[in-house]
């Protein structure tokens, strides 16, 4: 069976800085990708698949940690193949899933075993995070996992999330963490380059908010734009826009160099990674608790 990275590399899309074309590229990438339409969470011996399962486990666990949250209506923006809708239903929510991809919505229907008429507790809609086809103040919980990184700017998406979320409602958000321990070498090189050439902009780069950095590998290998975040700066951005942080965590300590060079048996690295994740979840340690490359934050609308 192919790994996730082998499957996602087969989409063959092209590069662009134009927002509408970027969305078409992302649509095409996910709409015809078997990995993300179901298999991504089910490849037992694939490292990326195990991370996706942990991301879902930790994210849903963050909601379960606060029992008062788990009620009412929940919206999953970028619902994909329904992996989170499935869990939200089990928690007792009436759920709405929105996705830019018809293929993903079809995968959600298949996963949740519903027909095109859906059910009283499940509603699936084709839509864009920057223009949600939903009424104001409709939802008690909004989750947005693996979506905002594809946007050139976050302001419109955040405004739409705020619009559809009830006062006092909760937002569960996932970001890729540019400040992770795995990215330290990249950040150091980037800082040195900025000091040596302060006025020079990287070829192909575009203006980004202070809390985000473009990941060039996505443009080079997957042919779309994707950005990672400084979580501390992003939390300040959220606070400035009316969202109070309730809880946050990072995970995914991949020890990239050790894995690449095979210096330590993989099974040892896997066990140590899980132990480290449990440790930093339990104890709030400066930087270390935010040094995983996957970030999940829970916010409430003030």
Protein backbone atom coordinates (compact mmCIF):
# COMPACT_ATOMS: atom_id res chain seq x y z
CA UNK A 1 0.00 0.00 0.00
CA UNK A 2 1.26 3.51 -0.83
CA UNK A 3 2.15 5.97 1.91
CA UNK A 4 0.28 9.27 2.18
CA UNK A 5 3.16 11.28 0.73
CA UNK A 6 3.42 8.91 -2.24
CA UNK A 7 -0.29 9.26 -2.95
CA UNK A 8 -0.55 13.03 -2.54
CA UNK A 9 2.40 13.59 -4.88
CA UNK A 10 0.37 12.21 -7.80
CA UNK A 11 -2.02 15.18 -8.21
CA UNK A 12 0.04 17.13 -10.78
CA UNK A 13 -1.22 20.69 -10.21
CA UNK A 14 0.47 23.99 -11.19
CA UNK A 15 1.88 26.98 -9.30
CA UNK A 16 0.28 30.43 -8.87
CA UNK A 17 -0.02 33.50 -6.67
CA UNK A 18 -3.59 34.26 -7.76
CA UNK A 19 -6.17 33.54 -5.03
CA UNK A 20 -8.87 32.15 -7.30
CA UNK A 21 -6.39 29.88 -9.07
CA UNK A 22 -4.90 28.80 -5.72
CA UNK A 23 -8.38 27.69 -4.62
CA UNK A 24 -8.85 25.79 -7.87
CA UNK A 25 -5.52 24.04 -7.34
CA UNK A 26 -6.48 23.08 -3.78
CA UNK A 27 -9.89 21.93 -5.00
CA UNK A 28 -8.33 19.73 -7.69
CA UNK A 29 -5.74 18.37 -5.28
CA UNK A 30 -8.30 17.14 -2.75
CA UNK A 31 -11.18 16.39 -5.11
CA UNK A 32 -9.29 13.62 -6.88
CA UNK A 33 -7.07 12.38 -4.09
CA UNK A 34 -7.87 8.91 -2.74
CA UNK A 35 -5.57 9.37 0.26
CA UNK A 36 -7.46 12.34 1.68
CA UNK A 37 -10.84 10.89 0.74
CA UNK A 38 -10.56 8.13 3.31
CA UNK A 39 -7.29 6.25 3.31
CA UNK A 40 -5.20 8.95 5.00
CA UNK A 41 -6.37 7.96 8.49
CA UNK A 42 -6.23 4.23 7.91
CA UNK A 43 -2.69 3.40 6.77
CA UNK A 44 -1.51 1.66 9.92
CA UNK A 45 2.25 1.64 9.33
CA UNK A 46 2.61 5.14 7.83
CA UNK A 47 4.11 7.86 10.05
CA UNK A 48 1.96 10.66 8.55
CA UNK A 49 -1.19 8.59 8.98
CA UNK A 50 -0.40 7.96 12.63
CA UNK A 51 0.08 11.70 13.11
CA UNK A 52 -3.31 12.40 11.54
CA UNK A 53 -4.97 9.95 13.91
CA UNK A 54 -3.25 11.59 16.87
CA UNK A 55 -4.26 15.03 15.61
CA UNK A 56 -7.89 13.91 15.62
CA UNK A 57 -7.52 12.23 19.01
CA UNK A 58 -5.93 15.28 20.63
CA UNK A 59 -8.31 17.76 18.99
CA UNK A 60 -11.47 15.91 19.99
CA UNK A 61 -9.95 15.27 23.42
CA UNK A 62 -9.54 19.02 23.86
CA UNK A 63 -13.30 19.43 23.42
CA UNK A 64 -14.03 16.51 25.74
CA UNK A 65 -11.85 18.11 28.39
CA UNK A 66 -14.52 20.80 28.76
CA UNK A 67 -17.84 18.90 29.02
CA UNK A 68 -19.94 22.05 28.81
CA UNK A 69 -18.73 22.59 25.23
CA UNK A 70 -20.04 19.29 23.90
CA UNK A 71 -23.60 20.22 23.05
CA UNK A 72 -25.63 21.98 20.37
CA UNK A 73 -24.52 22.57 16.79
CA UNK A 74 -21.00 22.05 15.47
CA UNK A 75 -19.53 23.19 12.16
CA UNK A 76 -16.50 21.54 10.54
CA UNK A 77 -14.95 23.87 7.95
CA UNK A 78 -12.96 21.82 5.49
CA UNK A 79 -14.69 18.66 6.69
CA UNK A 80 -12.87 16.47 4.18
CA UNK A 81 -13.84 12.82 4.38
CA UNK A 82 -15.84 13.27 7.60
CA UNK A 83 -13.27 11.98 10.10
CA UNK A 84 -14.10 14.77 12.55
CA UNK A 85 -17.83 14.86 11.78
CA UNK A 86 -17.96 11.22 12.81
CA UNK A 87 -16.45 12.03 16.22
CA UNK A 88 -18.61 15.14 16.72
CA UNK A 89 -21.74 13.09 16.10
CA UNK A 90 -20.68 10.63 18.78
CA UNK A 91 -20.27 13.53 21.20
CA UNK A 92 -23.93 14.42 20.59
CA UNK A 93 -23.64 17.41 18.27
CA UNK A 94 -25.86 18.21 15.32
CA UNK A 95 -23.16 18.67 12.68
CA UNK A 96 -22.64 20.69 9.52
CA UNK A 97 -19.71 20.00 7.24
CA UNK A 98 -18.51 22.49 4.62
CA UNK A 99 -15.86 21.71 2.03
CA UNK A 100 -14.62 23.22 -1.22
CA UNK A 101 -14.42 19.74 -2.80
CA UNK A 102 -17.39 17.74 -4.14
CA UNK A 103 -15.29 14.60 -3.86
CA UNK A 104 -14.65 15.23 -0.19
CA UNK A 105 -18.36 15.74 0.52
CA UNK A 106 -19.10 12.46 -1.26
CA UNK A 107 -16.44 10.80 0.91
CA UNK A 108 -18.10 12.26 4.02
CA UNK A 109 -21.46 10.85 3.00
CA UNK A 110 -19.86 7.45 2.48
CA UNK A 111 -18.03 7.53 5.81
CA UNK A 112 -21.14 8.59 7.71
CA UNK A 113 -23.32 6.14 5.75
CA UNK A 114 -25.87 8.76 4.70
CA UNK A 115 -27.59 9.35 1.38
CA UNK A 116 -27.85 12.62 -0.50
CA UNK A 117 -30.87 13.64 1.61
CA UNK A 118 -28.66 13.42 4.70
CA UNK A 119 -30.24 13.21 8.17
CA UNK A 120 -31.64 15.53 10.81
CA UNK A 121 -28.24 15.64 12.54
CA UNK A 122 -25.93 15.86 9.50
CA UNK A 123 -25.80 18.65 6.94
CA UNK A 124 -23.15 18.81 4.20
CA UNK A 125 -22.60 21.89 2.06
CA UNK A 126 -20.26 22.92 -0.73
CA UNK A 127 -18.59 26.15 0.34
CA UNK A 128 -15.54 28.33 0.89
CA UNK A 129 -14.20 29.36 4.31
CA UNK A 130 -14.00 32.96 3.11
CA UNK A 131 -17.69 33.01 2.15
CA UNK A 132 -19.59 30.44 4.21
CA UNK A 133 -23.12 29.59 2.99
CA UNK A 134 -24.45 29.74 6.55
CA UNK A 135 -26.46 32.14 8.75
CA UNK A 136 -25.04 34.38 11.46
CA UNK A 137 -24.60 33.04 15.00
CA UNK A 138 -25.64 29.51 14.13
CA UNK A 139 -23.01 27.34 15.84
CA UNK A 140 -21.87 26.51 19.35
CA UNK A 141 -18.59 25.01 18.11
CA UNK A 142 -16.59 25.56 14.93
CA UNK A 143 -13.61 23.39 14.07
CA UNK A 144 -11.16 24.22 11.32
CA UNK A 145 -8.49 21.57 10.86
CA UNK A 146 -5.91 21.85 8.08
CA UNK A 147 -7.54 24.71 6.16
CA UNK A 148 -6.15 28.17 6.97
CA UNK A 149 -2.62 27.29 5.88
CA UNK A 150 -3.81 27.31 2.25
CA UNK A 151 -5.07 30.91 2.48
CA UNK A 152 -2.90 33.87 1.45
CA UNK A 153 -4.40 35.93 4.31
CA UNK A 154 -6.51 34.90 7.33
CA UNK A 155 -8.64 37.98 7.94
CA UNK A 156 -11.67 37.10 5.80
CA UNK A 157 -11.73 33.52 7.05
CA UNK A 158 -11.55 34.64 10.65
CA UNK A 159 -14.30 37.18 10.06
CA UNK A 160 -16.54 34.46 8.61
CA UNK A 161 -15.82 32.10 11.50
CA UNK A 162 -16.66 34.84 13.96
CA UNK A 163 -19.87 35.62 12.06
CA UNK A 164 -21.30 32.08 12.18
CA UNK A 165 -20.16 31.37 15.77
CA UNK A 166 -22.49 32.17 18.66
CA UNK A 167 -21.32 34.60 21.37
CA UNK A 168 -19.40 32.47 23.86
CA UNK A 169 -19.02 29.74 21.25
CA UNK A 170 -15.77 27.85 20.76
CA UNK A 171 -13.34 27.57 17.87
CA UNK A 172 -10.96 24.60 17.55
CA UNK A 173 -8.18 25.44 15.13
CA UNK A 174 -5.21 23.55 13.70
CA UNK A 175 -2.01 25.19 12.40
CA UNK A 176 1.37 23.98 11.18
CA UNK A 177 3.98 25.33 13.61
CA UNK A 178 6.95 27.05 11.96
CA UNK A 179 8.58 27.43 15.40
CA UNK A 180 8.77 23.68 16.02
CA UNK A 181 12.03 22.02 17.02
CA UNK A 182 12.18 20.42 13.57
CA UNK A 183 12.23 23.87 11.95
CA UNK A 184 14.93 25.48 14.10
CA UNK A 185 17.60 25.07 11.41
CA UNK A 186 15.30 26.69 8.83
CA UNK A 187 14.53 29.64 11.13
CA UNK A 188 18.21 30.19 11.90
CA UNK A 189 19.13 30.18 8.20
CA UNK A 190 16.24 32.52 7.43
CA UNK A 191 17.30 34.95 10.18
CA UNK A 192 20.91 35.00 9.05
CA UNK A 193 19.84 35.61 5.45
CA UNK A 194 17.60 38.51 6.52
CA UNK A 195 20.49 40.10 8.42
CA UNK A 196 22.89 39.75 5.49
CA UNK A 197 20.36 40.88 2.89
CA UNK A 198 17.78 42.96 4.80
CA UNK A 199 16.14 44.54 1.74
CA UNK A 200 16.09 41.52 -0.53
CA UNK A 201 12.83 39.58 -0.96
CA UNK A 202 13.00 35.91 -1.85
CA UNK A 203 12.14 35.12 -5.46
CA UNK A 204 8.57 33.93 -5.75
CA UNK A 205 7.67 35.03 -2.22
CA UNK A 206 4.68 37.19 -1.35
CA UNK A 207 3.80 39.55 1.51
CA UNK A 208 2.51 37.62 4.52
CA UNK A 209 1.26 38.62 7.99
CA UNK A 210 3.86 38.71 10.77
CA UNK A 211 2.58 35.46 12.27
CA UNK A 212 3.06 33.28 9.15
CA UNK A 213 5.80 31.98 6.84
CA UNK A 214 5.37 30.30 3.47
CA UNK A 215 6.59 26.70 3.30
CA UNK A 216 8.46 26.57 0.01
CA UNK A 217 8.36 22.77 -0.23
CA UNK A 218 4.60 22.93 -0.85
CA UNK A 219 5.05 25.22 -3.84
CA UNK A 220 7.99 23.19 -5.15
CA UNK A 221 6.62 19.68 -4.63
CA UNK A 222 2.82 19.93 -4.33
CA UNK A 223 2.46 23.03 -6.56
CA UNK A 224 0.26 25.02 -4.20
CA UNK A 225 0.83 27.79 -1.65
CA UNK A 226 0.93 26.75 2.02
CA UNK A 227 2.01 28.61 5.14
CA UNK A 228 3.01 27.72 8.68
CA UNK A 229 2.52 29.87 11.78
CA UNK A 230 4.28 31.36 14.77
CA UNK A 231 1.73 30.20 17.40
CA UNK A 232 2.51 32.91 19.96
CA UNK A 233 2.01 35.67 17.40
CA UNK A 234 -1.11 34.00 16.05
CA UNK A 235 -2.62 33.78 19.53
CA UNK A 236 -2.05 37.52 19.89
CA UNK A 237 -3.71 38.08 16.51
CA UNK A 238 -6.71 36.04 17.67
CA UNK A 239 -6.93 38.01 20.93
CA UNK A 240 -6.90 41.29 18.99
CA UNK A 241 -9.86 40.02 16.97
CA UNK A 242 -12.09 38.91 19.84
CA UNK A 243 -11.03 35.32 20.53
CA UNK A 244 -9.81 34.28 23.98
CA UNK A 245 -7.43 31.32 24.25
CA UNK A 246 -8.87 28.48 26.33
CA UNK A 247 -6.33 25.72 25.72
CA UNK A 248 -3.51 24.88 23.31
CA UNK A 249 -1.05 22.10 22.60
CA UNK A 250 1.54 21.00 20.08
CA UNK A 251 2.58 17.52 19.00
CA UNK A 252 4.59 15.81 16.31
CA UNK A 253 8.20 15.64 17.50
CA UNK A 254 9.49 13.79 14.47
CA UNK A 255 13.26 14.03 15.11
CA UNK A 256 13.63 14.60 11.39
CA UNK A 257 17.41 14.30 11.13
CA UNK A 258 17.56 11.10 13.17
CA UNK A 259 14.81 9.54 11.04
CA UNK A 260 16.42 10.65 7.79
CA UNK A 261 19.88 9.33 8.68
CA UNK A 262 18.57 6.18 10.41
CA UNK A 263 20.79 6.88 13.40
CA UNK A 264 18.26 5.45 15.88
CA UNK A 265 15.76 2.60 15.37
CA UNK A 266 12.43 4.01 14.23
CA UNK A 267 10.47 2.14 16.90
CA UNK A 268 12.56 3.86 19.60
CA UNK A 269 11.88 7.27 18.06
CA UNK A 270 8.15 6.51 17.86
CA UNK A 271 7.99 5.53 21.53
CA UNK A 272 10.02 8.52 22.66
CA UNK A 273 7.86 10.86 20.55
CA UNK A 274 4.66 9.62 22.21
CA UNK A 275 6.23 9.88 25.67
CA UNK A 276 7.38 13.43 24.95
CA UNK A 277 3.91 14.41 23.71
CA UNK A 278 2.31 13.10 26.91
CA UNK A 279 4.91 14.95 28.98
CA UNK A 280 4.49 18.35 27.33
CA UNK A 281 0.69 18.01 27.44
CA UNK A 282 0.82 17.50 31.17
CA UNK A 283 3.42 20.12 32.07
CA UNK A 284 3.46 23.62 30.58
CA UNK A 285 7.16 24.19 29.86
CA UNK A 286 8.35 27.36 28.09
CA UNK A 287 8.99 26.67 24.41
CA UNK A 288 9.06 22.87 24.78
CA UNK A 289 5.26 22.74 25.07
CA UNK A 290 5.06 24.64 21.77
CA UNK A 291 7.88 22.82 19.99
CA UNK A 292 5.85 20.16 18.15
CA UNK A 293 5.18 20.88 14.49
CA UNK A 294 1.40 20.48 14.81
CA UNK A 295 -0.52 23.06 16.85
CA UNK A 296 -4.12 22.87 18.05
CA UNK A 297 -5.74 25.78 19.86
CA UNK A 298 -9.16 26.11 21.47
CA UNK A 299 -10.59 29.63 21.58
CA UNK A 300 -13.84 31.17 22.75
CA UNK A 301 -15.60 34.06 21.04
CA UNK A 302 -15.64 36.98 23.46
